Amino acid sequence: MRRRVVLMGVAGCGKSAVGAALAARLGAAYLDGDDLHPPENIAKMSRGEPLTDDDRLPWLARVAGALAEPRGILFLGCSALKRRYRDQIRAQAGAPVVFVHLSGSKALITARMAARSGHFMPKSLIESQFAALEPPMADEEAISVDIDAPIDTLVATIAAKLQEMPS
């Protein structure tokens, strides 16, 4: 089985924490898409500047390339905020990709961003993240979960929903 699962959503929604916990629960690998950003993107976001579509193209190609590598189940955290980004990832991944949209209110995300430290993404970019977000549509292979729950509950919910999907 070569299932690819992308944990997507705005900064601060829990992609890294939920992805790592899911991977551990299901005996899979987890990759953080933030580690695939070119240095120029990290520098730009660190300055509080939102990325443009052109900035994201090489990063999305790296994400798709990581998903295309042969291995078993893989979870990868990537904002994938727009439909065209998800379409690019799907087209280049070499295997079916399921997107898990970690959805939360702006107030909850803002509180989480304020509480985290050591990440290059500043709280000031929350507005641009929500402005760019295009939640997955019904015709996309996607799951949406509300993040206002304990991580164990989120992981159990997502794992159950993934089990229900054809592999």
N, C-alpha and C. Protein backbone atom coordinates (compact mmCIF):
# COMPACT_ATOMS: atom_id res chain seq x y z
N MET A 1 0.84 -1.18 0.00
CA MET A 1 0.00 0.00 0.00
C MET A 1 0.88 1.24 0.00
N ARG A 2 0.56 2.19 -0.88
CA ARG A 2 1.34 3.42 -0.97
C ARG A 2 0.42 4.62 -0.70
N ARG A 3 -0.30 4.58 0.37
CA ARG A 3 -1.19 5.70 0.67
C ARG A 3 -0.37 6.90 1.08
N ARG A 4 -0.76 8.05 0.56
CA ARG A 4 -0.14 9.33 0.89
C ARG A 4 -1.21 10.20 1.54
N VAL A 5 -0.90 10.71 2.72
CA VAL A 5 -1.86 11.55 3.44
C VAL A 5 -1.18 12.87 3.75
N VAL A 6 -1.78 13.96 3.27
CA VAL A 6 -1.26 15.30 3.53
C VAL A 6 -2.14 15.96 4.57
N LEU A 7 -1.53 16.32 5.71
CA LEU A 7 -2.22 17.09 6.74
C LEU A 7 -2.12 18.54 6.30
N MET A 8 -3.25 19.17 6.02
CA MET A 8 -3.24 20.52 5.47
C MET A 8 -4.02 21.48 6.35
N GLY A 9 -3.74 22.77 6.15
CA GLY A 9 -4.45 23.82 6.85
C GLY A 9 -3.53 24.99 7.11
N VAL A 10 -4.09 26.02 7.70
CA VAL A 10 -3.33 27.23 7.97
C VAL A 10 -2.26 26.97 9.02
N ALA A 11 -1.30 27.87 9.09
CA ALA A 11 -0.24 27.77 10.11
C ALA A 11 -0.87 27.72 11.50
N GLY A 12 -0.35 26.84 12.33
CA GLY A 12 -0.83 26.75 13.70
C GLY A 12 -2.00 25.80 13.90
N CYS A 13 -2.44 25.11 12.84
CA CYS A 13 -3.60 24.22 12.98
C CYS A 13 -3.23 22.86 13.56
N GLY A 14 -1.93 22.55 13.64
CA GLY A 14 -1.51 21.30 14.26
C GLY A 14 -1.02 20.24 13.28
N LYS A 15 -0.65 20.64 12.08
CA LYS A 15 -0.20 19.67 11.08
C LYS A 15 0.93 18.79 11.61
N SER A 16 1.93 19.41 12.20
CA SER A 16 3.10 18.66 12.68
C SER A 16 2.73 17.72 13.82
N ALA A 17 2.03 18.23 14.81
CA ALA A 17 1.68 17.42 15.98
C ALA A 17 0.74 16.28 15.61
N VAL A 18 -0.29 16.59 14.85
CA VAL A 18 -1.27 15.56 14.47
C VAL A 18 -0.63 14.57 13.51
N GLY A 19 0.14 15.06 12.55
CA GLY A 19 0.80 14.17 11.59
C GLY A 19 1.75 13.20 12.26
N ALA A 20 2.55 13.70 13.18
CA ALA A 20 3.50 12.83 13.90
C ALA A 20 2.76 11.81 14.76
N ALA A 21 1.68 12.23 15.42
CA ALA A 21 0.91 11.32 16.25
C ALA A 21 0.19 10.25 15.41
N LEU A 22 -0.34 10.65 14.27
CA LEU A 22 -0.98 9.69 13.37
C LEU A 22 0.02 8.66 12.86
N ALA A 23 1.17 9.16 12.43
CA ALA A 23 2.21 8.26 11.91
C ALA A 23 2.64 7.26 12.98
N ALA A 24 2.82 7.74 14.21
CA ALA A 24 3.22 6.85 15.29
C ALA A 24 2.13 5.80 15.56
N ARG A 25 0.89 6.23 15.56
CA ARG A 25 -0.23 5.30 15.83
C ARG A 25 -0.34 4.23 14.76
N LEU A 26 -0.08 4.63 13.49
CA LEU A 26 -0.30 3.70 12.37
C LEU A 26 0.99 3.08 11.85
N GLY A 27 2.10 3.31 12.55
CA GLY A 27 3.36 2.72 12.14
C GLY A 27 3.84 3.22 10.79
N ALA A 28 3.70 4.49 10.56
CA ALA A 28 4.05 5.10 9.27
C ALA A 28 5.12 6.16 9.47
N ALA A 29 5.54 6.74 8.37
CA ALA A 29 6.52 7.84 8.41
C ALA A 29 5.79 9.17 8.39
N TYR A 30 6.41 10.19 9.00
CA TYR A 30 5.89 11.56 8.95
C TYR A 30 6.99 12.48 8.46
N LEU A 31 6.66 13.33 7.50
CA LEU A 31 7.57 14.37 7.02
C LEU A 31 6.92 15.72 7.23
N ASP A 32 7.68 16.68 7.71
CA ASP A 32 7.18 18.04 7.89
C ASP A 32 7.50 18.85 6.64
N GLY A 33 6.48 19.30 5.96
CA GLY A 33 6.66 20.08 4.74
C GLY A 33 7.45 21.35 4.97
N ASP A 34 7.45 21.88 6.19
CA ASP A 34 8.24 23.08 6.48
C ASP A 34 9.72 22.83 6.22
N ASP A 35 10.16 21.58 6.40
CA ASP A 35 11.56 21.24 6.18
C ASP A 35 11.93 21.24 4.70
N LEU A 36 10.94 21.30 3.83
CA LEU A 36 11.18 21.28 2.39
C LEU A 36 11.18 22.67 1.76
N HIS A 37 10.88 23.70 2.56
CA HIS A 37 10.89 25.07 2.03
C HIS A 37 12.31 25.49 1.65
N PRO A 38 12.46 26.16 0.51
CA PRO A 38 13.76 26.75 0.20
C PRO A 38 14.09 27.84 1.22
N PRO A 39 15.37 28.09 1.46
CA PRO A 39 15.76 29.11 2.44
C PRO A 39 15.14 30.48 2.17
N GLU A 40 14.95 30.81 0.90
CA GLU A 40 14.36 32.12 0.55
C GLU A 40 12.93 32.24 1.10
N ASN A 41 12.17 31.15 1.04
CA ASN A 41 10.80 31.17 1.56
C ASN A 41 10.80 31.37 3.07
N ILE A 42 11.68 30.65 3.76
CA ILE A 42 11.74 30.78 5.22
C ILE A 42 12.13 32.19 5.61
N ALA A 43 13.10 32.76 4.90
CA ALA A 43 13.52 34.14 5.19
C ALA A 43 12.37 35.12 4.97
N LYS A 44 11.64 34.93 3.90
CA LYS A 44 10.53 35.83 3.59
C LYS A 44 9.44 35.74 4.67
N MET A 45 9.06 34.52 5.04
CA MET A 45 8.03 34.37 6.07
C MET A 45 8.53 34.90 7.42
N SER A 46 9.80 34.69 7.71
CA SER A 46 10.38 35.18 8.97
C SER A 46 10.29 36.70 9.07
N ARG A 47 10.33 37.35 7.92
CA ARG A 47 10.20 38.82 7.89
C ARG A 47 8.73 39.27 7.96
N GLY A 48 7.82 38.30 8.01
CA GLY A 48 6.39 38.63 8.07
C GLY A 48 5.78 38.86 6.71
N GLU A 49 6.44 38.41 5.65
CA GLU A 49 5.93 38.59 4.29
C GLU A 49 5.27 37.29 3.82
N PRO A 50 4.01 37.37 3.37
CA PRO A 50 3.36 36.15 2.88
C PRO A 50 4.01 35.68 1.57
N LEU A 51 4.01 34.39 1.37
CA LEU A 51 4.53 33.83 0.13
C LEU A 51 3.55 34.06 -1.01
N THR A 52 4.08 34.22 -2.21
CA THR A 52 3.25 34.32 -3.41
C THR A 52 3.12 32.92 -4.02
N ASP A 53 2.25 32.80 -4.99
CA ASP A 53 2.12 31.52 -5.69
C ASP A 53 3.46 31.12 -6.31
N ASP A 54 4.16 32.08 -6.89
CA ASP A 54 5.47 31.79 -7.49
C ASP A 54 6.48 31.30 -6.45
N ASP A 55 6.42 31.86 -5.24
CA ASP A 55 7.30 31.40 -4.15
C ASP A 55 7.01 29.95 -3.80
N ARG A 56 5.75 29.57 -3.86
CA ARG A 56 5.34 28.24 -3.42
C ARG A 56 5.63 27.14 -4.44
N LEU A 57 5.73 27.48 -5.72
CA LEU A 57 5.89 26.45 -6.75
C LEU A 57 7.05 25.49 -6.50
N PRO A 58 8.27 25.97 -6.23
CA PRO A 58 9.36 25.01 -5.99
C PRO A 58 9.14 24.18 -4.73
N TRP A 59 8.53 24.78 -3.71
CA TRP A 59 8.24 24.06 -2.48
C TRP A 59 7.22 22.95 -2.74
N LEU A 60 6.16 23.27 -3.47
CA LEU A 60 5.14 22.25 -3.76
C LEU A 60 5.73 21.12 -4.59
N ALA A 61 6.67 21.43 -5.48
CA ALA A 61 7.34 20.37 -6.26
C ALA A 61 8.16 19.48 -5.33
N ARG A 62 8.80 20.06 -4.32
CA ARG A 62 9.55 19.25 -3.34
C ARG A 62 8.60 18.38 -2.52
N VAL A 63 7.46 18.93 -2.14
CA VAL A 63 6.45 18.17 -1.39
C VAL A 63 5.99 16.98 -2.22
N ALA A 64 5.62 17.23 -3.48
CA ALA A 64 5.18 16.15 -4.36
C ALA A 64 6.28 15.12 -4.57
N GLY A 65 7.52 15.58 -4.70
CA GLY A 65 8.64 14.67 -4.86
C GLY A 65 8.82 13.77 -3.65
N ALA A 66 8.64 14.32 -2.46
CA ALA A 66 8.74 13.52 -1.24
C ALA A 66 7.62 12.48 -1.20
N LEU A 67 6.43 12.85 -1.65
CA LEU A 67 5.31 11.92 -1.67
C LEU A 67 5.51 10.83 -2.73
N ALA A 68 6.26 11.13 -3.78
CA ALA A 68 6.47 10.17 -4.87
C ALA A 68 7.51 9.11 -4.53
N GLU A 69 8.31 9.33 -3.50
CA GLU A 69 9.33 8.34 -3.14
C GLU A 69 8.66 7.04 -2.70
N PRO A 70 9.22 5.89 -3.14
CA PRO A 70 8.60 4.61 -2.78
C PRO A 70 8.75 4.30 -1.29
N ARG A 71 7.65 4.07 -0.65
CA ARG A 71 7.59 3.65 0.75
C ARG A 71 6.16 3.27 1.06
N GLY A 72 5.89 2.85 2.25
CA GLY A 72 4.53 2.47 2.64
C GLY A 72 3.68 3.70 2.88
N ILE A 73 2.94 3.69 3.95
CA ILE A 73 2.08 4.83 4.28
C ILE A 73 2.95 6.00 4.68
N LEU A 74 2.60 7.17 4.20
CA LEU A 74 3.35 8.38 4.50
C LEU A 74 2.39 9.50 4.88
N PHE A 75 2.68 10.18 5.98
CA PHE A 75 1.95 11.38 6.37
C PHE A 75 2.89 12.56 6.18
N LEU A 76 2.38 13.62 5.59
CA LEU A 76 3.20 14.80 5.34
C LEU A 76 2.39 16.04 5.68
N GLY A 77 2.99 16.97 6.42
CA GLY A 77 2.33 18.22 6.75
C GLY A 77 2.67 19.27 5.70
N CYS A 78 1.64 19.86 5.12
CA CYS A 78 1.81 20.90 4.09
C CYS A 78 0.55 21.74 4.07
N SER A 79 0.70 23.05 4.12
CA SER A 79 -0.49 23.91 4.20
C SER A 79 -1.46 23.65 3.05
N ALA A 80 -0.98 23.48 1.82
CA ALA A 80 -1.83 23.17 0.66
C ALA A 80 -3.11 24.00 0.68
N LEU A 81 -2.96 25.29 0.86
CA LEU A 81 -4.11 26.16 1.11
C LEU A 81 -5.07 26.30 -0.08
N LYS A 82 -4.55 26.22 -1.29
CA LYS A 82 -5.38 26.44 -2.47
C LYS A 82 -5.58 25.14 -3.25
N ARG A 83 -6.71 25.08 -3.93
CA ARG A 83 -7.03 23.91 -4.76
C ARG A 83 -5.92 23.65 -5.77
N ARG A 84 -5.41 24.69 -6.41
CA ARG A 84 -4.39 24.46 -7.44
C ARG A 84 -3.10 23.89 -6.83
N TYR A 85 -2.81 24.20 -5.57
CA TYR A 85 -1.64 23.60 -4.91
C TYR A 85 -1.88 22.11 -4.70
N ARG A 86 -3.08 21.77 -4.24
CA ARG A 86 -3.40 20.36 -4.01
C ARG A 86 -3.40 19.60 -5.33
N ASP A 87 -3.92 20.23 -6.41
CA ASP A 87 -3.91 19.60 -7.72
C ASP A 87 -2.48 19.35 -8.20
N GLN A 88 -1.58 20.30 -7.97
CA GLN A 88 -0.18 20.13 -8.36
C GLN A 88 0.43 18.96 -7.59
N ILE A 89 0.17 18.90 -6.31
CA ILE A 89 0.71 17.81 -5.49
C ILE A 89 0.18 16.47 -5.99
N ARG A 90 -1.13 16.39 -6.23
CA ARG A 90 -1.73 15.14 -6.73
C ARG A 90 -1.09 14.71 -8.05
N ALA A 91 -0.92 15.67 -8.97
CA ALA A 91 -0.40 15.36 -10.30
C ALA A 91 1.03 14.85 -10.26
N GLN A 92 1.82 15.30 -9.28
CA GLN A 92 3.24 14.97 -9.25
C GLN A 92 3.60 13.90 -8.22
N ALA A 93 2.66 13.46 -7.41
CA ALA A 93 2.97 12.55 -6.29
C ALA A 93 3.20 11.10 -6.71
N GLY A 94 2.67 10.68 -7.84
CA GLY A 94 2.90 9.31 -8.29
C GLY A 94 2.08 8.27 -7.56
N ALA A 95 1.18 8.66 -6.69
CA ALA A 95 0.30 7.76 -5.97
C ALA A 95 -0.89 8.59 -5.48
N PRO A 96 -2.01 7.93 -5.20
CA PRO A 96 -3.16 8.70 -4.69
C PRO A 96 -2.82 9.45 -3.40
N VAL A 97 -3.37 10.64 -3.27
CA VAL A 97 -3.13 11.48 -2.10
C VAL A 97 -4.47 11.82 -1.46
N VAL A 98 -4.55 11.61 -0.15
CA VAL A 98 -5.71 12.04 0.63
C VAL A 98 -5.29 13.27 1.41
N PHE A 99 -6.11 14.31 1.38
CA PHE A 99 -5.84 15.52 2.15
C PHE A 99 -6.72 15.51 3.39
N VAL A 100 -6.11 15.78 4.53
CA VAL A 100 -6.84 15.90 5.79
C VAL A 100 -6.76 17.37 6.20
N HIS A 101 -7.89 18.05 6.05
CA HIS A 101 -7.94 19.47 6.38
C HIS A 101 -8.18 19.64 7.88
N LEU A 102 -7.19 20.19 8.56
CA LEU A 102 -7.30 20.49 9.98
C LEU A 102 -7.89 21.89 10.09
N SER A 103 -9.16 21.95 10.38
CA SER A 103 -9.93 23.19 10.33
C SER A 103 -10.15 23.74 11.74
N GLY A 104 -9.91 25.04 11.88
CA GLY A 104 -10.12 25.69 13.17
C GLY A 104 -10.48 27.15 13.00
N SER A 105 -11.06 27.71 14.03
CA SER A 105 -11.44 29.12 13.98
C SER A 105 -10.20 30.01 14.03
N LYS A 106 -10.35 31.21 13.54
CA LYS A 106 -9.25 32.18 13.57
C LYS A 106 -8.82 32.46 15.01
N ALA A 107 -9.78 32.50 15.93
CA ALA A 107 -9.46 32.76 17.34
C ALA A 107 -8.61 31.64 17.92
N LEU A 108 -8.97 30.38 17.63
CA LEU A 108 -8.21 29.25 18.14
C LEU A 108 -6.80 29.23 17.53
N ILE A 109 -6.70 29.44 16.25
CA ILE A 109 -5.40 29.45 15.57
C ILE A 109 -4.52 30.57 16.11
N THR A 110 -5.10 31.74 16.31
CA THR A 110 -4.34 32.88 16.84
C THR A 110 -3.79 32.56 18.22
N ALA A 111 -4.60 31.93 19.05
CA ALA A 111 -4.15 31.56 20.39
C ALA A 111 -3.02 30.54 20.31
N ARG A 112 -3.14 29.58 19.42
CA ARG A 112 -2.08 28.58 19.27
C ARG A 112 -0.79 29.21 18.76
N MET A 113 -0.92 30.10 17.79
CA MET A 113 0.27 30.76 17.24
C MET A 113 0.96 31.61 18.31
N ALA A 114 0.19 32.27 19.14
CA ALA A 114 0.76 33.10 20.20
C ALA A 114 1.51 32.25 21.23
N ALA A 115 1.06 31.01 21.41
CA ALA A 115 1.66 30.14 22.43
C ALA A 115 2.89 29.39 21.94
N ARG A 116 3.09 29.33 20.63
CA ARG A 116 4.23 28.54 20.13
C ARG A 116 5.46 29.42 19.95
N SER A 117 6.60 28.80 20.10
CA SER A 117 7.86 29.54 19.93
C SER A 117 8.81 28.71 19.08
N GLY A 118 9.81 29.37 18.53
CA GLY A 118 10.83 28.68 17.77
C GLY A 118 10.43 28.32 16.35
N HIS A 119 9.37 28.90 15.84
CA HIS A 119 8.95 28.62 14.46
C HIS A 119 9.09 29.90 13.65
N PHE A 120 9.47 29.74 12.38
CA PHE A 120 9.72 30.91 11.53
C PHE A 120 8.45 31.66 11.14
N MET A 121 7.29 31.02 11.23
CA MET A 121 6.04 31.65 10.79
C MET A 121 5.50 32.56 11.90
N PRO A 122 5.48 33.88 11.65
CA PRO A 122 4.97 34.79 12.69
C PRO A 122 3.44 34.84 12.72
N LYS A 123 2.94 35.20 13.87
CA LYS A 123 1.50 35.34 14.08
C LYS A 123 0.89 36.37 13.11
N SER A 124 1.70 37.32 12.67
CA SER A 124 1.19 38.38 11.79
C SER A 124 0.71 37.85 10.43
N LEU A 125 1.08 36.62 10.08
CA LEU A 125 0.67 36.07 8.79
C LEU A 125 -0.62 35.27 8.85
N ILE A 126 -1.28 35.22 10.00
CA ILE A 126 -2.52 34.46 10.12
C ILE A 126 -3.57 34.96 9.14
N GLU A 127 -3.73 36.27 9.05
CA GLU A 127 -4.74 36.83 8.14
C GLU A 127 -4.50 36.37 6.71
N SER A 128 -3.24 36.41 6.25
CA SER A 128 -2.96 36.00 4.86
C SER A 128 -3.22 34.52 4.67
N GLN A 129 -2.98 33.72 5.70
CA GLN A 129 -3.25 32.28 5.61
C GLN A 129 -4.76 32.03 5.42
N PHE A 130 -5.58 32.68 6.24
CA PHE A 130 -7.02 32.50 6.11
C PHE A 130 -7.54 33.08 4.80
N ALA A 131 -6.94 34.18 4.33
CA ALA A 131 -7.37 34.77 3.05
C ALA A 131 -7.08 33.83 1.89
N ALA A 132 -5.98 33.08 1.95
CA ALA A 132 -5.60 32.18 0.86
C ALA A 132 -6.33 30.83 0.93
N LEU A 133 -6.83 30.46 2.10
CA LEU A 133 -7.40 29.13 2.29
C LEU A 133 -8.62 28.88 1.40
N GLU A 134 -8.55 27.80 0.63
CA GLU A 134 -9.68 27.28 -0.13
C GLU A 134 -9.91 25.86 0.40
N PRO A 135 -10.86 25.69 1.32
CA PRO A 135 -11.09 24.36 1.88
C PRO A 135 -11.36 23.35 0.76
N PRO A 136 -10.99 22.09 0.98
CA PRO A 136 -11.23 21.07 -0.04
C PRO A 136 -12.71 20.98 -0.41
N MET A 137 -12.94 20.73 -1.69
CA MET A 137 -14.30 20.62 -2.22
C MET A 137 -14.74 19.15 -2.19
N ALA A 138 -16.02 18.93 -2.41
CA ALA A 138 -16.59 17.59 -2.36
C ALA A 138 -15.96 16.64 -3.38
N ASP A 139 -15.46 17.17 -4.50
CA ASP A 139 -14.88 16.31 -5.52
C ASP A 139 -13.40 15.96 -5.27
N GLU A 140 -12.84 16.45 -4.17
CA GLU A 140 -11.47 16.12 -3.81
C GLU A 140 -11.49 14.97 -2.81
N GLU A 141 -10.47 14.12 -2.88
CA GLU A 141 -10.37 13.05 -1.88
C GLU A 141 -9.81 13.69 -0.62
N ALA A 142 -10.72 14.08 0.28
CA ALA A 142 -10.31 14.84 1.45
C ALA A 142 -11.22 14.55 2.63
N ILE A 143 -10.66 14.76 3.80
CA ILE A 143 -11.35 14.65 5.08
C ILE A 143 -11.17 16.00 5.76
N SER A 144 -12.19 16.47 6.43
CA SER A 144 -12.07 17.71 7.19
C SER A 144 -12.42 17.41 8.64
N VAL A 145 -11.56 17.87 9.56
CA VAL A 145 -11.82 17.68 10.98
C VAL A 145 -11.63 19.00 11.72
N ASP A 146 -12.47 19.22 12.71
CA ASP A 146 -12.36 20.40 13.55
C ASP A 146 -11.29 20.14 14.60
N ILE A 147 -10.32 21.04 14.69
CA ILE A 147 -9.17 20.83 15.58
C ILE A 147 -9.44 21.18 17.03
N ASP A 148 -10.63 21.65 17.35
CA ASP A 148 -10.94 22.04 18.73
C ASP A 148 -11.30 20.79 19.54
N ALA A 149 -10.30 19.90 19.67
CA ALA A 149 -10.46 18.65 20.42
C ALA A 149 -9.07 18.22 20.86
N PRO A 150 -8.98 17.36 21.87
CA PRO A 150 -7.67 16.84 22.27
C PRO A 150 -7.02 16.07 21.12
N ILE A 151 -5.70 16.08 21.08
CA ILE A 151 -4.98 15.44 19.98
C ILE A 151 -5.31 13.97 19.86
N ASP A 152 -5.48 13.26 20.97
CA ASP A 152 -5.83 11.83 20.91
C ASP A 152 -7.16 11.62 20.20
N THR A 153 -8.10 12.52 20.46
CA THR A 153 -9.41 12.44 19.80
C THR A 153 -9.27 12.71 18.31
N LEU A 154 -8.49 13.73 17.95
CA LEU A 154 -8.27 14.04 16.53
C LEU A 154 -7.64 12.86 15.80
N VAL A 155 -6.61 12.29 16.40
CA VAL A 155 -5.91 11.17 15.77
C VAL A 155 -6.86 9.99 15.60
N ALA A 156 -7.63 9.65 16.61
CA ALA A 156 -8.58 8.54 16.51
C ALA A 156 -9.63 8.80 15.42
N THR A 157 -10.14 10.03 15.36
CA THR A 157 -11.14 10.39 14.36
C THR A 157 -10.57 10.27 12.95
N ILE A 158 -9.38 10.82 12.75
CA ILE A 158 -8.76 10.78 11.42
C ILE A 158 -8.43 9.34 11.03
N ALA A 159 -7.87 8.57 11.95
CA ALA A 159 -7.54 7.18 11.66
C ALA A 159 -8.79 6.40 11.25
N ALA A 160 -9.89 6.62 11.95
CA ALA A 160 -11.14 5.93 11.62
C ALA A 160 -11.64 6.34 10.23
N LYS A 161 -11.58 7.63 9.93
CA LYS A 161 -12.03 8.11 8.62
C LYS A 161 -11.14 7.57 7.49
N LEU A 162 -9.84 7.48 7.75
CA LEU A 162 -8.94 6.92 6.74
C LEU A 162 -9.24 5.45 6.49
N GLN A 163 -9.57 4.72 7.56
CA GLN A 163 -9.93 3.30 7.43
C GLN A 163 -11.14 3.11 6.54
N GLU A 164 -12.08 4.06 6.59
CA GLU A 164 -13.31 3.96 5.81
C GLU A 164 -13.09 4.24 4.33
N MET A 165 -11.98 4.87 3.99
CA MET A 165 -11.71 5.23 2.60
C MET A 165 -11.05 4.07 1.86
N PRO A 166 -11.36 3.92 0.58
CA PRO A 166 -10.65 2.89 -0.20
C PRO A 166 -9.16 3.24 -0.29
N SER A 167 -8.30 2.23 -0.24
CA SER A 167 -6.86 2.51 -0.27
C SER A 167 -6.30 2.52 -1.67
